[in-house]
């Protein structure tokens, strides 16, 4: 850190070292754990239950997110169909279009 360059320790150097340590912890704990699990599986070594639970939780979260998106898409589709019936005269046909949705909360 800054101590080896300047010979003194400053708050900015302490904070930077803390951020670097936290980043290394994250990379080693999560990203590298997945890589190591894949390597272990490919070599036929058993993978710990901890990693299986992480994988399954992520998969469940992704499935819930997809389900939520499908529900929102169905609601938008129903809304568009309702407005098409209200706004288009009976003698006109709808051939296609785009739904513009404001995604800001």
C-alpha atoms as a PDB file:
ATOM      1  CA  UNK A   1       0.000   0.000   0.000  1.00  0.00           C
ATOM      2  CA  UNK A   2       0.944   3.567   0.618  1.00  0.00           C
ATOM      3  CA  UNK A   3       3.243   2.739   3.565  1.00  0.00           C
ATOM      4  CA  UNK A   4       5.881   1.107   1.375  1.00  0.00           C
ATOM      5  CA  UNK A   5       5.953   4.068  -1.023  1.00  0.00           C
ATOM      6  CA  UNK A   6       5.813   7.027   1.365  1.00  0.00           C
ATOM      7  CA  UNK A   7       6.862   5.547   4.708  1.00  0.00           C
ATOM      8  CA  UNK A   8       3.675   6.734   6.419  1.00  0.00           C
ATOM      9  CA  UNK A   9       0.130   5.459   6.650  1.00  0.00           C
ATOM     10  CA  UNK A  10      -2.759   7.704   5.527  1.00  0.00           C
ATOM     11  CA  UNK A  11      -6.524   7.253   5.768  1.00  0.00           C
ATOM     12  CA  UNK A  12      -6.894   7.125   1.986  1.00  0.00           C
ATOM     13  CA  UNK A  13      -4.355   4.296   1.834  1.00  0.00           C
ATOM     14  CA  UNK A  14      -6.155   2.381   4.581  1.00  0.00           C
ATOM     15  CA  UNK A  15      -9.474   2.735   2.733  1.00  0.00           C
ATOM     16  CA  UNK A  16      -7.929   1.657  -0.572  1.00  0.00           C
ATOM     17  CA  UNK A  17      -6.358  -1.398   1.065  1.00  0.00           C
ATOM     18  CA  UNK A  18      -9.731  -2.241   2.629  1.00  0.00           C
ATOM     19  CA  UNK A  19     -11.493  -2.037  -0.730  1.00  0.00           C
ATOM     20  CA  UNK A  20      -8.819  -4.206  -2.339  1.00  0.00           C
ATOM     21  CA  UNK A  21      -9.129  -6.775   0.467  1.00  0.00           C
ATOM     22  CA  UNK A  22     -12.916  -6.881   0.157  1.00  0.00           C
ATOM     23  CA  UNK A  23     -12.616  -7.300  -3.610  1.00  0.00           C
ATOM     24  CA  UNK A  24     -10.135 -10.163  -3.218  1.00  0.00           C
ATOM     25  CA  UNK A  25     -12.432 -11.817  -0.656  1.00  0.00           C
ATOM     26  CA  UNK A  26     -15.410 -11.594  -3.030  1.00  0.00           C
ATOM     27  CA  UNK A  27     -13.452 -12.956  -5.982  1.00  0.00           C
ATOM     28  CA  UNK A  28     -11.973 -15.821  -3.972  1.00  0.00           C
ATOM     29  CA  UNK A  29     -15.165 -16.713  -2.139  1.00  0.00           C
ATOM     30  CA  UNK A  30     -17.708 -16.589  -4.952  1.00  0.00           C
ATOM     31  CA  UNK A  31     -16.292 -16.420  -8.475  1.00  0.00           C
ATOM     32  CA  UNK A  32     -13.372 -18.745  -7.855  1.00  0.00           C
ATOM     33  CA  UNK A  33     -15.568 -21.143  -5.874  1.00  0.00           C
ATOM     34  CA  UNK A  34     -17.730 -21.707  -8.963  1.00  0.00           C
ATOM     35  CA  UNK A  35     -14.693 -22.233 -11.152  1.00  0.00           C
ATOM     36  CA  UNK A  36     -13.189 -24.691  -8.699  1.00  0.00           C
ATOM     37  CA  UNK A  37     -16.492 -26.567  -8.438  1.00  0.00           C
ATOM     38  CA  UNK A  38     -16.605 -26.987 -12.223  1.00  0.00           C
ATOM     39  CA  UNK A  39     -13.009 -28.207 -12.272  1.00  0.00           C
ATOM     40  CA  UNK A  40     -13.764 -30.647  -9.439  1.00  0.00           C
ATOM     41  CA  UNK A  41     -16.854 -31.966 -11.237  1.00  0.00           C
ATOM     42  CA  UNK A  42     -14.936 -32.450 -14.465  1.00  0.00           C
ATOM     43  CA  UNK A  43     -12.261 -34.388 -12.591  1.00  0.00           C
ATOM     44  CA  UNK A  44     -14.864 -36.560 -10.869  1.00  0.00           C
ATOM     45  CA  UNK A  45     -14.282 -35.127  -7.405  1.00  0.00           C
ATOM     46  CA  UNK A  46     -17.247 -34.589  -5.084  1.00  0.00           C
ATOM     47  CA  UNK A  47     -18.570 -31.048  -4.699  1.00  0.00           C
ATOM     48  CA  UNK A  48     -19.578 -29.788  -1.268  1.00  0.00           C
ATOM     49  CA  UNK A  49     -23.221 -29.380  -0.332  1.00  0.00           C
ATOM     50  CA  UNK A  50     -22.589 -25.669   0.196  1.00  0.00           C
ATOM     51  CA  UNK A  51     -21.997 -25.115  -3.520  1.00  0.00           C
ATOM     52  CA  UNK A  52     -24.997 -27.242  -4.476  1.00  0.00           C
ATOM     53  CA  UNK A  53     -27.208 -25.063  -2.268  1.00  0.00           C
ATOM     54  CA  UNK A  54     -25.792 -21.889  -3.831  1.00  0.00           C
ATOM     55  CA  UNK A  55     -26.442 -23.221  -7.342  1.00  0.00           C
ATOM     56  CA  UNK A  56     -29.984 -24.303  -6.480  1.00  0.00           C
ATOM     57  CA  UNK A  57     -30.817 -20.975  -4.808  1.00  0.00           C
ATOM     58  CA  UNK A  58     -29.595 -19.059  -7.842  1.00  0.00           C
ATOM     59  CA  UNK A  59     -31.607 -21.301 -10.141  1.00  0.00           C
ATOM     60  CA  UNK A  60     -34.745 -20.800  -8.019  1.00  0.00           C
ATOM     61  CA  UNK A  61     -34.219 -17.034  -8.106  1.00  0.00           C
ATOM     62  CA  UNK A  62     -33.827 -17.069 -11.902  1.00  0.00           C
ATOM     63  CA  UNK A  63     -37.006 -19.137 -12.287  1.00  0.00           C
ATOM     64  CA  UNK A  64     -38.972 -16.749 -10.051  1.00  0.00           C
ATOM     65  CA  UNK A  65     -37.645 -13.795 -12.040  1.00  0.00           C
ATOM     66  CA  UNK A  66     -38.687 -15.404 -15.342  1.00  0.00           C
ATOM     67  CA  UNK A  67     -42.124 -16.204 -13.906  1.00  0.00           C
ATOM     68  CA  UNK A  68     -42.520 -12.594 -12.818  1.00  0.00           C
ATOM     69  CA  UNK A  69     -41.498 -11.345 -16.262  1.00  0.00           C
ATOM     70  CA  UNK A  70     -43.974 -13.703 -17.941  1.00  0.00           C
ATOM     71  CA  UNK A  71     -46.745 -12.399 -15.706  1.00  0.00           C
ATOM     72  CA  UNK A  72     -45.870  -8.799 -16.537  1.00  0.00           C
ATOM     73  CA  UNK A  73     -45.769  -9.603 -20.259  1.00  0.00           C
ATOM     74  CA  UNK A  74     -49.202 -11.220 -20.066  1.00  0.00           C
ATOM     75  CA  UNK A  75     -50.610  -8.169 -18.281  1.00  0.00           C
ATOM     76  CA  UNK A  76     -49.192  -5.828 -20.925  1.00  0.00           C
ATOM     77  CA  UNK A  77     -50.563  -8.064 -23.679  1.00  0.00           C
ATOM     78  CA  UNK A  78     -54.047  -8.055 -22.148  1.00  0.00           C
ATOM     79  CA  UNK A  79     -53.885  -4.294 -21.698  1.00  0.00           C
ATOM     80  CA  UNK A  80     -52.912  -3.792 -25.337  1.00  0.00           C
ATOM     81  CA  UNK A  81     -55.692  -6.073 -26.562  1.00  0.00           C
ATOM     82  CA  UNK A  82     -58.226  -4.155 -24.488  1.00  0.00           C
ATOM     83  CA  UNK A  83     -57.077  -0.795 -25.847  1.00  0.00           C
ATOM     84  CA  UNK A  84     -57.032  -2.113 -29.425  1.00  0.00           C
ATOM     85  CA  UNK A  85     -60.675  -3.137 -29.056  1.00  0.00           C
ATOM     86  CA  UNK A  86     -61.542   0.273 -27.633  1.00  0.00           C
ATOM     87  CA  UNK A  87     -59.562   2.429 -30.070  1.00  0.00           C
ATOM     88  CA  UNK A  88     -59.744   0.613 -33.414  1.00  0.00           C
ATOM     89  CA  UNK A  89     -62.958   0.887 -35.411  1.00  0.00           C
ATOM     90  CA  UNK A  90     -64.656  -2.396 -36.312  1.00  0.00           C
ATOM     91  CA  UNK A  91     -63.833  -2.064 -40.014  1.00  0.00           C
ATOM     92  CA  UNK A  92     -60.045  -1.769 -39.392  1.00  0.00           C
ATOM     93  CA  UNK A  93     -57.577  -4.531 -38.581  1.00  0.00           C
ATOM     94  CA  UNK A  94     -54.475  -4.444 -36.429  1.00  0.00           C
ATOM     95  CA  UNK A  95     -51.423  -5.721 -38.316  1.00  0.00           C
ATOM     96  CA  UNK A  96     -48.648  -5.197 -35.758  1.00  0.00           C
ATOM     97  CA  UNK A  97     -46.933  -2.693 -33.547  1.00  0.00           C
ATOM     98  CA  UNK A  98     -44.648  -2.086 -30.602  1.00  0.00           C
ATOM     99  CA  UNK A  99     -45.526  -1.631 -26.979  1.00  0.00           C
ATOM    100  CA  UNK A 100     -43.491   1.215 -25.496  1.00  0.00           C
ATOM    101  CA  UNK A 101     -43.306   0.824 -21.739  1.00  0.00           C
ATOM    102  CA  UNK A 102     -41.690   3.205 -19.256  1.00  0.00           C
ATOM    103  CA  UNK A 103     -39.570   0.971 -17.013  1.00  0.00           C
ATOM    104  CA  UNK A 104     -38.604   3.672 -14.505  1.00  0.00           C
ATOM    105  CA  UNK A 105     -39.972   2.969 -11.034  1.00  0.00           C
END
